[in-house]
Amino acid sequence: MGCRLLRYQRGWIAALAVLTMLMLSACMNKGGNESSLLSVAEFQHTDSDDVLEDEADLTYWAGLSNNAASIKSNLEDIPFFQEWKRRTGVNLTFINPPLNQGKEAFNVMITSGNLPDMIEYEWMNYPGGPEKAIHDGIILPLNELIEEHGPHFKQFLEDHPEIDRQIKTADGSYYVFPFIQAEDKLRTYQGPIIRKDWLDELKLPVPKTIEEWHTVLTAFKEQKGVPAPLTILGNSNPLSGIEGGGFVGAYGIRKGFYMEDGVVKFGPMEPEYKEFLALFRSWYAEGLIDQHFATTDTETQDMNMTMERSGAAIWNAGAGIGTWLPKIREVNPSAELIAAPYPVLHEGMRPKFGQLAPEVGISGGVALSGSIQNAEAAIRMLDYGYGEEGHLLFNFGIEGLSYEMIDGYPTYTDLILNNKDKLSPSQALAMYTRASYFGPFVQDIRYLEQYYTLPEQKEAIQIWADTDASLHLLPALPKSEIENAELSAIMQEVNKHVDEVSLKMIMGIEPLSEFESYIQQLKSMNMEQAIAIQQQALDRYNSKVRMP
């Protein structure tokens, strides 16, 4: 095993030579709070009867979350991962790619041929899909392994047949231990956020319609002197937040695939998308949208809101309201930050779209590589997260340290909610749990009940969930290797074209009169075939017919 690990590490280092500077940048994200964290070794909280004897040396590839990376530079140093190793008796060697460079590092790793034992990745986005990854020998089919060595996960799937159908390939192969959000209340966490104290000062209501939003943003700019009234993320996607239904949803579409009475559609190909582009084009010209929205990252968006350069955004209840409001109130104690409903065109209309995560997360799924030598040990380790003890560890951490069981309710301690070293709850959770992002486990609603400490956060998720998004969300649709390969090839070019044209039209670089030409270009890229593939997969999913 040692020779294989050494050979893997040498191959990994060589393959990532071109990313050296990126790795250095990732290490720069390491914060100065390390001394405030208790490791598993420093906190002997349980007897040894719950610890398995060391049975395997395994390697595990996964990226750091932004919250974790602000404190630690390696998964090995995070107390949660230390405890997971201790409880399962597996000696893990962690490999984490440079921060925010996971896709690039993954591609380099696959090309190098030097694979770790376990890989945490967005397997639905593998070229050709997970079925192709199995056929390529990159990952293993897990059916027999789960049957023999994964009792907790097996039982969960038996109890949740709808989820079971979503985590197989079209030929019926299990391929991943996924991140699961089985409860609807966990799946909505993002939407429009606005400065309520500014609205009150300007004697304006919380905006619901597109026209009211225009009035509010104009007032923020002209009467409050705000340079970027509306700020949205753009560094990973030029219109981040819009996909969930923000503003574009008012026109009855979303920026991506959705279904309408069982018929699959692609929003950017619908005529209403032109109306949305016209709206944002006019708002951009009027200076109502951050002029740098196409490249805005989370740090810039945070600064826009906390330094009062912006008065509205589309972001999360936790990382948005929960992070921004306390910081704003340090300077302005009377500040108010609240959720606004997803916009509609006319008063009294119900939002058709809004952010709603799928039950089975795209991120956080862990697969076993084709190079693994001890698959049984890996399965037992991953299965742990779906059992009772593992469920508590992944969601609440270490009893007596990050939570206490009070009247049967796992209650976070001050280490999480009132950290003496000024770690935010999201940062502390990222050290001792995986509850606030993703991983191979089932997320617990009791985490959210405590994580959202502000009344504004609790109200926000209720406001944002008041949509018809669930009627239009496509489930995870198993596809054949051929279908996945064709769909992936088409959408890679289509998404690039959609984003490029959208930006040009919003910024006034390209006239709206070119919209029909843009549609014809999408058709020439075989977008209609992509829709047909999704439709076929949806019909097959609904009829419960397995591919031969």
Protein backbone atom coordinates (compact mmCIF):
# COMPACT_ATOMS: atom_id res chain seq x y z
CA MET A 1 0.00 0.00 0.00
CA GLY A 2 2.87 2.34 0.93
CA CYS A 3 4.47 1.99 -2.51
CA ARG A 4 1.15 2.58 -4.23
CA LEU A 5 0.50 5.66 -2.10
CA LEU A 6 3.97 7.01 -2.78
CA ARG A 7 3.54 6.38 -6.49
CA TYR A 8 0.15 8.14 -6.37
CA GLN A 9 1.57 11.13 -4.52
CA ARG A 10 4.48 11.49 -6.94
CA GLY A 11 2.11 11.35 -9.89
CA TRP A 12 -0.21 13.87 -8.28
CA ILE A 13 2.61 16.32 -7.58
CA ALA A 14 3.95 16.03 -11.10
CA ALA A 15 0.56 16.38 -12.71
CA LEU A 16 -0.21 19.48 -10.71
CA ALA A 17 3.02 21.27 -11.45
CA VAL A 18 1.15 23.63 -13.75
CA LEU A 19 -1.09 24.56 -10.85
CA THR A 20 1.65 25.37 -8.35
CA MET A 21 0.77 29.03 -8.12
CA LEU A 22 -2.87 28.16 -7.59
CA MET A 23 -1.96 25.85 -4.75
CA LEU A 24 0.10 28.58 -3.14
CA SER A 25 -2.87 30.90 -3.43
CA ALA A 26 -5.05 28.30 -1.78
CA CYS A 27 -2.69 28.06 1.15
CA MET A 28 -2.86 31.81 1.54
CA ASN A 29 -6.51 31.35 2.53
CA LYS A 30 -5.39 29.76 5.77
CA GLY A 31 -6.57 31.97 8.60
CA GLY A 32 -5.09 32.72 11.96
CA ASN A 33 -7.62 30.90 14.16
CA GLU A 34 -5.96 27.50 14.29
CA SER A 35 -4.88 27.75 17.94
CA SER A 36 -8.48 28.19 19.03
CA LEU A 37 -9.58 24.81 17.67
CA LEU A 38 -9.62 21.62 19.66
CA SER A 39 -8.46 18.53 17.82
CA VAL A 40 -9.79 15.06 18.51
CA ALA A 41 -6.54 14.16 20.25
CA GLU A 42 -6.92 17.14 22.58
CA PHE A 43 -10.52 16.27 23.44
CA GLN A 44 -10.79 12.72 24.75
CA HIS A 45 -14.54 12.75 24.94
CA THR A 46 -15.48 9.08 24.65
CA ASP A 47 -14.28 5.66 25.63
CA SER A 48 -12.53 3.51 23.09
CA ASP A 49 -15.39 1.05 22.57
CA ASP A 50 -16.78 3.07 19.65
CA VAL A 51 -13.46 3.09 17.82
CA LEU A 52 -12.67 0.39 15.26
CA GLU A 53 -9.21 -1.06 15.04
CA ASP A 54 -7.14 0.31 12.18
CA GLU A 55 -7.93 -1.85 9.19
CA ALA A 56 -6.89 0.13 6.12
CA ASP A 57 -4.80 2.94 4.69
CA LEU A 58 -6.90 4.88 2.20
CA THR A 59 -6.57 8.10 0.23
CA TYR A 60 -9.41 10.62 -0.04
CA TRP A 61 -9.63 13.48 -2.59
CA ALA A 62 -11.97 16.38 -1.80
CA GLY A 63 -12.05 20.15 -1.90
CA LEU A 64 -12.19 22.49 1.07
CA SER A 65 -15.28 24.60 1.60
CA ASN A 66 -14.71 28.35 1.65
CA ASN A 67 -15.57 28.50 5.36
CA ALA A 68 -13.14 25.72 6.21
CA ALA A 69 -10.41 27.20 4.02
CA SER A 70 -10.58 30.48 5.93
CA ILE A 71 -9.21 28.60 8.95
CA LYS A 72 -7.38 25.50 7.78
CA SER A 73 -5.46 24.69 4.61
CA ASN A 74 -5.88 20.91 4.70
CA LEU A 75 -8.70 18.50 5.48
CA GLU A 76 -6.30 16.53 7.67
CA ASP A 77 -6.24 19.35 10.23
CA ILE A 78 -10.01 19.71 10.56
CA PRO A 79 -11.42 18.12 13.76
CA PHE A 80 -14.41 16.59 11.97
CA PHE A 81 -12.21 14.55 9.62
CA GLN A 82 -9.95 13.51 12.49
CA GLU A 83 -12.97 12.18 14.36
CA TRP A 84 -14.41 10.42 11.29
CA LYS A 85 -11.10 8.61 10.86
CA ARG A 86 -10.94 7.72 14.54
CA ARG A 87 -14.44 6.27 14.68
CA THR A 88 -14.16 4.19 11.53
CA GLY A 89 -10.63 2.97 12.15
CA VAL A 90 -9.44 4.03 8.71
CA ASN A 91 -6.13 5.79 8.28
CA LEU A 92 -6.96 8.41 5.66
CA THR A 93 -4.49 10.46 3.69
CA PHE A 94 -6.26 13.55 2.36
CA ILE A 95 -5.59 15.28 -0.93
CA ASN A 96 -7.36 18.60 -1.37
CA PRO A 97 -7.06 20.58 -4.61
CA PRO A 98 -6.42 24.35 -4.68
CA LEU A 99 -9.34 26.37 -3.39
CA ASN A 100 -11.95 27.06 -6.10
CA GLN A 101 -9.89 25.06 -8.61
CA GLY A 102 -11.46 21.67 -8.04
CA LYS A 103 -12.60 21.07 -11.61
CA GLU A 104 -9.23 21.95 -13.09
CA ALA A 105 -7.39 19.79 -10.56
CA PHE A 106 -9.83 16.92 -11.11
CA ASN A 107 -9.16 16.97 -14.85
CA VAL A 108 -5.41 16.95 -14.28
CA MET A 109 -5.77 14.05 -11.86
CA ILE A 110 -7.87 11.98 -14.29
CA THR A 111 -5.41 12.66 -17.10
CA SER A 112 -2.48 11.63 -14.93
CA GLY A 113 -4.04 8.24 -14.23
CA ASN A 114 -2.97 8.42 -10.59
CA LEU A 115 -6.22 8.03 -8.69
CA PRO A 116 -6.84 8.11 -4.94
CA ASP A 117 -9.11 5.52 -3.35
CA MET A 118 -12.09 7.81 -2.81
CA ILE A 119 -13.04 10.89 -4.81
CA GLU A 120 -15.59 13.50 -3.75
CA TYR A 121 -16.81 15.25 -6.88
CA GLU A 122 -19.79 16.39 -8.95
CA TRP A 123 -20.08 13.05 -10.74
CA MET A 124 -23.12 14.07 -12.77
CA ASN A 125 -20.80 16.52 -14.53
CA TYR A 126 -18.22 13.92 -15.52
CA PRO A 127 -17.98 13.93 -19.35
CA GLY A 128 -20.40 11.23 -20.40
CA GLY A 129 -21.82 11.00 -16.89
CA PRO A 130 -21.16 8.50 -14.10
CA GLU A 131 -21.93 5.52 -16.37
CA LYS A 132 -19.05 6.61 -18.60
CA ALA A 133 -16.83 7.03 -15.53
CA ILE A 134 -17.59 3.41 -14.63
CA HIS A 135 -16.87 2.19 -18.16
CA ASP A 136 -13.63 4.21 -18.20
CA GLY A 137 -12.51 2.44 -15.05
CA ILE A 138 -12.38 5.73 -13.15
CA ILE A 139 -14.96 4.64 -10.55
CA LEU A 140 -16.56 1.37 -9.47
CA PRO A 141 -20.19 0.22 -9.59
CA LEU A 142 -21.26 -0.14 -5.97
CA ASN A 143 -24.29 -2.44 -6.04
CA GLU A 144 -22.66 -5.58 -4.63
CA LEU A 145 -20.45 -3.62 -2.24
CA ILE A 146 -23.42 -1.74 -0.77
CA GLU A 147 -25.42 -4.96 -0.52
CA GLU A 148 -22.65 -6.68 1.44
CA HIS A 149 -20.97 -3.88 3.39
CA GLY A 150 -23.30 -0.85 3.45
CA PRO A 151 -26.24 -1.73 5.74
CA HIS A 152 -27.09 1.84 6.77
CA PHE A 153 -27.10 3.27 3.27
CA LYS A 154 -28.96 0.23 1.95
CA GLN A 155 -31.67 0.68 4.56
CA PHE A 156 -32.02 4.38 3.78
CA LEU A 157 -32.52 3.66 0.09
CA GLU A 158 -35.11 1.00 0.85
CA ASP A 159 -36.98 3.55 2.97
CA HIS A 160 -36.72 6.28 0.28
CA PRO A 161 -37.40 4.74 -3.15
CA GLU A 162 -37.69 8.14 -4.85
CA ILE A 163 -34.12 8.97 -3.85
CA ASP A 164 -32.98 5.47 -4.75
CA ARG A 165 -34.12 6.05 -8.34
CA GLN A 166 -32.08 9.25 -8.58
CA ILE A 167 -28.69 7.88 -7.58
CA LYS A 168 -28.40 5.13 -10.18
CA THR A 169 -27.13 5.22 -13.71
CA ALA A 170 -29.57 4.36 -16.48
CA ASP A 171 -28.40 0.73 -16.37
CA GLY A 172 -29.13 0.52 -12.64
CA SER A 173 -25.63 0.92 -11.19
CA TYR A 174 -25.09 2.72 -7.89
CA TYR A 175 -21.99 4.85 -8.24
CA VAL A 176 -21.80 7.28 -5.34
CA PHE A 177 -22.52 7.90 -1.66
CA PRO A 178 -24.48 11.15 -2.07
CA PHE A 179 -25.37 14.28 -0.14
CA ILE A 180 -29.10 14.09 0.57
CA GLN A 181 -31.59 16.76 1.62
CA ALA A 182 -34.72 14.70 2.16
CA GLU A 183 -36.74 17.46 3.88
CA ASP A 184 -38.16 20.29 1.79
CA LYS A 185 -37.31 22.93 4.41
CA LEU A 186 -33.61 22.23 3.92
CA ARG A 187 -33.71 22.78 0.18
CA THR A 188 -34.52 26.50 0.04
CA TYR A 189 -31.85 28.80 1.43
CA GLN A 190 -31.38 31.58 -1.14
CA GLY A 191 -33.29 34.52 -2.55
CA PRO A 192 -33.53 38.32 -2.81
CA ILE A 193 -32.18 40.27 0.18
CA ILE A 194 -32.79 43.97 0.75
CA ARG A 195 -32.07 46.81 3.22
CA LYS A 196 -35.37 47.27 5.06
CA ASP A 197 -34.21 50.36 6.99
CA TRP A 198 -33.49 52.11 3.69
CA LEU A 199 -36.95 51.21 2.43
CA ASP A 200 -38.50 52.68 5.57
CA GLU A 201 -36.40 55.82 5.26
CA LEU A 202 -37.52 56.25 1.65
CA LYS A 203 -41.13 55.31 2.54
CA LEU A 204 -41.13 52.42 0.08
CA PRO A 205 -42.69 48.96 0.52
CA VAL A 206 -40.77 45.72 0.20
CA PRO A 207 -40.72 45.21 -3.59
CA LYS A 208 -42.71 42.35 -5.06
CA THR A 209 -43.08 43.28 -8.72
CA ILE A 210 -40.47 44.15 -11.33
CA GLU A 211 -41.78 47.71 -11.43
CA GLU A 212 -41.47 48.06 -7.65
CA TRP A 213 -37.92 46.74 -7.82
CA HIS A 214 -37.07 49.37 -10.40
CA THR A 215 -38.47 52.08 -8.14
CA VAL A 216 -36.51 50.82 -5.14
CA LEU A 217 -33.18 50.42 -6.93
CA THR A 218 -33.56 53.85 -8.50
CA ALA A 219 -34.22 55.37 -5.09
CA PHE A 220 -31.19 53.60 -3.61
CA LYS A 221 -29.03 55.09 -6.33
CA GLU A 222 -30.44 58.60 -6.57
CA GLN A 223 -31.53 59.30 -3.00
CA LYS A 224 -29.09 57.16 -1.01
CA GLY A 225 -26.15 57.63 -3.37
CA VAL A 226 -25.48 53.87 -3.54
CA PRO A 227 -23.04 53.09 -6.39
CA ALA A 228 -24.20 49.48 -6.97
CA PRO A 229 -27.82 49.16 -5.81
CA LEU A 230 -28.12 45.48 -6.83
CA THR A 231 -25.11 43.17 -6.48
CA ILE A 232 -25.00 39.57 -7.72
CA LEU A 233 -22.26 36.98 -8.03
CA GLY A 234 -20.60 36.45 -11.37
CA ASN A 235 -17.14 34.91 -11.02
CA SER A 236 -18.28 31.28 -11.29
CA ASN A 237 -21.35 32.07 -13.39
CA PRO A 238 -22.08 35.48 -14.96
CA LEU A 239 -25.66 35.51 -13.64
CA SER A 240 -25.40 33.55 -10.42
CA GLY A 241 -28.63 33.50 -8.46
CA ILE A 242 -30.64 34.06 -11.62
CA GLU A 243 -30.76 30.31 -12.29
CA GLY A 244 -33.00 29.84 -9.28
CA GLY A 245 -35.59 32.27 -10.61
CA GLY A 246 -34.41 35.66 -9.43
CA PHE A 247 -35.92 38.31 -11.77
CA VAL A 248 -35.92 35.99 -14.80
CA GLY A 249 -38.61 33.93 -13.08
CA ALA A 250 -41.01 36.87 -13.32
CA TYR A 251 -41.21 36.12 -17.04
CA GLY A 252 -42.27 32.52 -16.47
CA ILE A 253 -38.92 30.87 -17.21
CA ARG A 254 -35.64 30.04 -15.50
CA LYS A 255 -32.06 30.10 -16.73
CA GLY A 256 -31.68 26.39 -17.29
CA PHE A 257 -33.76 23.26 -17.79
CA TYR A 258 -37.20 22.98 -16.19
CA MET A 259 -40.46 21.20 -16.87
CA GLU A 260 -43.92 22.50 -17.72
CA ASP A 261 -46.71 19.91 -17.34
CA GLY A 262 -44.23 17.11 -18.02
CA VAL A 263 -42.59 18.89 -20.97
CA VAL A 264 -38.90 19.78 -20.67
CA LYS A 265 -37.92 23.33 -21.60
CA PHE A 266 -34.72 25.38 -21.64
CA GLY A 267 -35.32 28.93 -20.43
CA PRO A 268 -32.64 30.78 -22.43
CA MET A 269 -34.21 29.42 -25.61
CA GLU A 270 -37.70 30.72 -24.80
CA PRO A 271 -38.88 34.11 -26.21
CA GLU A 272 -39.41 35.42 -22.65
CA TYR A 273 -35.67 35.30 -22.10
CA LYS A 274 -35.39 38.29 -24.41
CA GLU A 275 -37.71 40.23 -22.09
CA PHE A 276 -35.46 39.44 -19.14
CA LEU A 277 -32.36 40.53 -21.06
CA ALA A 278 -34.11 43.77 -22.00
CA LEU A 279 -34.90 44.39 -18.32
CA PHE A 280 -31.34 43.87 -17.12
CA ARG A 281 -30.00 45.82 -20.10
CA SER A 282 -32.01 48.86 -19.06
CA TRP A 283 -31.13 48.44 -15.37
CA TYR A 284 -27.45 48.09 -16.21
CA ALA A 285 -27.56 51.23 -18.38
CA GLU A 286 -29.22 53.12 -15.53
CA GLY A 287 -26.54 52.00 -13.08
CA LEU A 288 -28.94 49.96 -10.97
CA ILE A 289 -26.85 46.78 -11.26
CA ASP A 290 -23.24 46.56 -10.13
CA GLN A 291 -21.27 47.43 -13.24
CA HIS A 292 -18.79 44.65 -12.42
CA PHE A 293 -21.45 41.98 -11.85
CA ALA A 294 -19.93 39.62 -14.45
CA THR A 295 -16.82 39.09 -12.31
CA THR A 296 -18.06 39.75 -8.77
CA ASP A 297 -16.88 37.09 -6.31
CA THR A 298 -18.18 36.32 -2.81
CA GLU A 299 -15.63 38.57 -1.13
CA THR A 300 -16.59 41.53 -3.33
CA GLN A 301 -20.30 40.89 -2.83
CA ASP A 302 -19.74 40.74 0.95
CA MET A 303 -17.94 44.07 0.82
CA ASN A 304 -20.64 45.64 -1.33
CA MET A 305 -23.29 44.77 1.23
CA THR A 306 -21.38 45.32 4.48
CA MET A 307 -19.81 48.60 3.34
CA GLU A 308 -23.21 49.79 2.10
CA ARG A 309 -22.16 50.04 -1.53
CA SER A 310 -25.21 47.92 -2.35
CA GLY A 311 -28.67 47.64 -0.87
CA ALA A 312 -29.90 44.41 -2.47
CA ALA A 313 -28.55 41.03 -3.51
CA ILE A 314 -29.52 37.46 -4.29
CA TRP A 315 -27.77 35.27 -1.76
CA ASN A 316 -28.14 32.88 1.16
CA ALA A 317 -29.83 33.16 4.53
CA GLY A 318 -26.65 31.97 6.24
CA ALA A 319 -23.73 33.37 4.24
CA GLY A 320 -25.82 36.41 3.30
CA ILE A 321 -28.15 37.66 6.03
CA GLY A 322 -26.37 35.78 8.80
CA THR A 323 -22.96 37.14 7.81
CA TRP A 324 -23.82 40.63 6.61
CA LEU A 325 -26.31 41.87 9.18
CA PRO A 326 -24.08 41.53 12.29
CA LYS A 327 -21.22 43.28 10.46
CA ILE A 328 -23.42 46.11 9.21
CA ARG A 329 -24.85 46.60 12.72
CA GLU A 330 -21.36 47.01 14.16
CA VAL A 331 -21.32 50.36 12.36
CA ASN A 332 -25.04 51.01 11.99
CA PRO A 333 -27.00 49.42 14.89
CA SER A 334 -30.36 50.39 13.34
CA ALA A 335 -29.70 48.56 10.06
CA GLU A 336 -32.25 45.99 8.90
CA LEU A 337 -31.66 43.31 6.30
CA ILE A 338 -34.59 41.14 5.25
CA ALA A 339 -35.73 38.75 2.56
CA ALA A 340 -37.92 39.92 -0.30
CA PRO A 341 -40.20 37.59 -2.27
CA TYR A 342 -39.11 36.31 -5.64
CA PRO A 343 -40.25 39.05 -8.08
CA VAL A 344 -43.34 38.76 -10.26
CA LEU A 345 -44.58 40.90 -13.15
CA HIS A 346 -47.87 42.00 -11.63
CA GLU A 347 -49.25 42.48 -8.13
CA GLY A 348 -51.04 39.39 -6.81
CA MET A 349 -49.16 36.88 -8.97
CA ARG A 350 -47.50 33.90 -7.29
CA PRO A 351 -43.81 33.34 -8.04
CA LYS A 352 -43.44 30.46 -10.46
CA PHE A 353 -39.75 29.90 -9.75
CA GLY A 354 -37.42 30.23 -6.81
CA GLN A 355 -34.27 28.55 -5.54
CA LEU A 356 -34.96 24.92 -4.66
CA ALA A 357 -32.12 22.44 -4.31
CA PRO A 358 -32.64 18.86 -5.52
CA GLU A 359 -33.09 16.09 -2.98
CA VAL A 360 -29.86 14.50 -4.17
CA GLY A 361 -27.08 17.07 -4.25
CA ILE A 362 -24.81 17.39 -7.26
CA SER A 363 -21.87 18.17 -4.96
CA GLY A 364 -20.59 16.06 -2.11
CA GLY A 365 -20.97 12.61 -3.64
CA VAL A 366 -18.11 10.21 -2.93
CA ALA A 367 -17.22 7.45 -5.39
CA LEU A 368 -14.65 4.66 -5.18
CA SER A 369 -11.93 4.81 -7.79
CA GLY A 370 -11.09 1.92 -10.06
CA SER A 371 -7.64 1.82 -8.43
CA ILE A 372 -8.84 1.07 -4.90
CA GLN A 373 -7.40 -2.04 -3.24
CA ASN A 374 -9.61 -2.16 -0.15
CA ALA A 375 -13.11 -1.28 -1.32
CA GLU A 376 -14.77 -2.98 1.64
CA ALA A 377 -13.10 -0.68 4.16
CA ALA A 378 -14.01 2.37 2.11
CA ILE A 379 -17.66 1.27 1.88
CA ARG A 380 -17.85 0.73 5.63
CA MET A 381 -16.38 4.17 6.23
CA LEU A 382 -18.77 5.93 3.85
CA ASP A 383 -21.73 3.91 5.13
CA TYR A 384 -21.07 5.27 8.63
CA GLY A 385 -22.52 8.65 7.70
CA TYR A 386 -25.96 7.14 7.05
CA GLY A 387 -26.27 5.37 10.40
CA GLU A 388 -27.48 6.93 13.66
CA GLU A 389 -24.03 7.69 15.11
CA GLY A 390 -22.65 8.93 11.81
CA HIS A 391 -25.72 11.08 11.26
CA LEU A 392 -25.04 12.90 14.51
CA LEU A 393 -21.33 13.29 13.73
CA PHE A 394 -21.88 14.73 10.25
CA ASN A 395 -24.64 17.09 11.36
CA PHE A 396 -23.65 18.05 14.90
CA GLY A 397 -20.07 16.95 15.45
CA ILE A 398 -18.67 15.62 18.71
CA GLU A 399 -20.95 15.25 21.71
CA GLY A 400 -19.67 17.22 24.69
CA LEU A 401 -17.66 19.49 22.44
CA SER A 402 -19.73 20.90 19.56
CA TYR A 403 -23.11 19.71 20.83
CA GLU A 404 -24.92 18.40 23.90
CA MET A 405 -27.94 16.09 23.84
CA ILE A 406 -30.68 17.96 25.71
CA ASP A 407 -34.02 16.18 26.05
CA GLY A 408 -33.20 14.11 23.00
CA TYR A 409 -32.31 17.18 20.91
CA PRO A 410 -28.71 17.61 19.68
CA THR A 411 -28.02 21.18 20.78
CA TYR A 412 -25.01 23.11 19.51
CA THR A 413 -22.68 24.48 22.19
CA ASP A 414 -21.18 27.95 22.33
CA LEU A 415 -18.19 26.55 20.45
CA ILE A 416 -20.46 26.70 17.40
CA LEU A 417 -22.95 29.49 18.08
CA ASN A 418 -20.95 31.90 20.25
CA ASN A 419 -17.35 31.09 19.49
CA LYS A 420 -14.98 32.89 21.84
CA ASP A 421 -12.44 33.41 19.05
CA LYS A 422 -15.02 35.13 16.84
CA LEU A 423 -15.49 32.28 14.39
CA SER A 424 -18.87 32.66 12.71
CA PRO A 425 -21.31 29.75 13.15
CA SER A 426 -20.69 28.75 9.53
CA GLN A 427 -16.92 28.65 10.13
CA ALA A 428 -17.25 26.70 13.38
CA LEU A 429 -19.65 24.24 11.77
CA ALA A 430 -17.16 23.68 8.95
CA MET A 431 -14.59 22.64 11.55
CA TYR A 432 -16.65 20.14 13.51
CA THR A 433 -19.42 19.03 11.13
CA ARG A 434 -20.36 18.92 7.46
CA ALA A 435 -23.88 20.16 8.09
CA SER A 436 -23.49 23.57 6.48
CA TYR A 437 -22.25 22.45 3.08
CA PHE A 438 -22.33 18.86 1.73
CA GLY A 439 -20.83 15.38 1.91
CA PRO A 440 -21.79 11.69 2.08
CA PHE A 441 -24.66 11.94 4.58
CA VAL A 442 -28.28 12.99 5.10
CA GLN A 443 -28.68 16.58 6.27
CA ASP A 444 -30.71 17.08 9.46
CA ILE A 445 -33.37 19.80 9.81
CA ARG A 446 -32.29 20.32 13.43
CA TYR A 447 -29.02 21.76 12.16
CA LEU A 448 -30.93 24.47 10.30
CA GLU A 449 -33.19 25.24 13.25
CA GLN A 450 -30.10 26.28 15.21
CA TYR A 451 -27.88 27.62 12.43
CA TYR A 452 -30.37 30.33 11.57
CA THR A 453 -30.09 32.26 14.80
CA LEU A 454 -31.57 35.53 13.54
CA PRO A 455 -35.34 35.94 13.11
CA GLU A 456 -34.61 37.53 9.74
CA GLN A 457 -33.04 34.25 8.57
CA LYS A 458 -35.94 32.10 9.72
CA GLU A 459 -38.43 34.40 8.05
CA ALA A 460 -36.34 34.48 4.87
CA ILE A 461 -36.55 30.78 4.10
CA GLN A 462 -40.33 30.88 4.54
CA ILE A 463 -40.64 33.83 2.15
CA TRP A 464 -38.33 32.30 -0.46
CA ALA A 465 -40.04 28.91 -0.29
CA ASP A 466 -43.42 30.44 -1.16
CA THR A 467 -43.18 29.63 -4.87
CA ASP A 468 -44.25 26.93 -7.32
CA ALA A 469 -40.66 25.87 -7.97
CA SER A 470 -41.30 22.27 -6.91
CA LEU A 471 -43.76 21.86 -9.79
CA HIS A 472 -41.07 22.67 -12.35
CA LEU A 473 -37.84 21.25 -10.91
CA LEU A 474 -36.34 18.34 -12.82
CA PRO A 475 -35.27 15.46 -10.57
CA ALA A 476 -31.86 13.87 -10.98
CA LEU A 477 -32.45 11.97 -14.22
CA PRO A 478 -30.36 8.83 -14.81
CA LYS A 479 -29.08 8.72 -18.39
CA SER A 480 -27.18 6.23 -20.46
CA GLU A 481 -23.52 6.73 -21.27
CA ILE A 482 -24.40 7.76 -24.81
CA GLU A 483 -27.05 10.21 -23.64
CA ASN A 484 -24.75 11.76 -21.05
CA ALA A 485 -21.88 12.09 -23.51
CA GLU A 486 -24.05 13.78 -26.11
CA LEU A 487 -25.79 16.05 -23.61
CA SER A 488 -22.51 17.06 -21.99
CA ALA A 489 -20.92 17.93 -25.33
CA ILE A 490 -23.90 20.01 -26.39
CA MET A 491 -24.36 21.87 -23.11
CA GLN A 492 -20.70 22.75 -22.75
CA GLU A 493 -20.92 24.86 -25.88
CA VAL A 494 -24.50 26.02 -25.33
CA ASN A 495 -23.92 27.31 -21.80
CA LYS A 496 -20.84 29.17 -22.92
CA HIS A 497 -22.78 30.77 -25.77
CA VAL A 498 -25.75 31.67 -23.57
CA ASP A 499 -23.52 33.39 -21.03
CA GLU A 500 -21.49 35.27 -23.63
CA VAL A 501 -24.53 36.58 -25.49
CA SER A 502 -26.39 37.37 -22.27
CA LEU A 503 -23.53 39.50 -21.00
CA LYS A 504 -23.13 41.30 -24.32
CA MET A 505 -26.81 42.13 -24.55
CA ILE A 506 -27.09 43.23 -20.92
CA MET A 507 -24.01 45.44 -21.21
CA GLY A 508 -25.18 46.96 -24.50
CA ILE A 509 -22.35 45.46 -26.52
CA GLU A 510 -24.76 43.54 -28.73
CA PRO A 511 -28.27 44.72 -29.74
CA LEU A 512 -31.40 42.89 -28.62
CA SER A 513 -32.33 42.65 -32.29
CA GLU A 514 -29.75 39.83 -32.48
CA PHE A 515 -31.84 37.63 -30.20
CA GLU A 516 -33.33 35.61 -33.08
CA SER A 517 -29.87 35.05 -34.47
CA TYR A 518 -28.83 33.85 -31.01
CA ILE A 519 -31.74 31.37 -30.97
CA GLN A 520 -30.76 30.03 -34.39
CA GLN A 521 -27.22 29.60 -33.16
CA LEU A 522 -28.50 27.53 -30.21
CA LYS A 523 -30.42 25.34 -32.61
CA SER A 524 -27.32 24.88 -34.74
CA MET A 525 -25.55 23.70 -31.57
CA ASN A 526 -28.15 20.92 -31.28
CA MET A 527 -29.94 22.45 -28.31
CA GLU A 528 -33.19 20.86 -29.44
CA GLN A 529 -31.50 17.47 -29.24
CA ALA A 530 -30.35 18.26 -25.69
CA ILE A 531 -33.95 19.02 -24.73
CA ALA A 532 -35.03 15.75 -26.37
CA ILE A 533 -32.46 13.81 -24.31
CA GLN A 534 -33.74 15.38 -21.10
CA GLN A 535 -37.33 14.66 -22.14
CA GLN A 536 -36.54 11.03 -22.86
CA ALA A 537 -34.83 10.69 -19.48
CA LEU A 538 -37.76 12.34 -17.71
CA ASP A 539 -40.30 10.10 -19.43
CA ARG A 540 -38.25 7.05 -18.53
CA TYR A 541 -37.91 8.23 -14.94
CA ASN A 542 -41.65 8.82 -14.62
CA SER A 543 -42.55 5.47 -16.11
CA LYS A 544 -39.97 3.65 -13.94
CA VAL A 545 -38.67 1.86 -17.03
CA ARG A 546 -35.04 0.80 -16.76
CA MET A 547 -32.81 1.05 -19.80
CA PRO A 548 -31.91 -2.38 -21.27
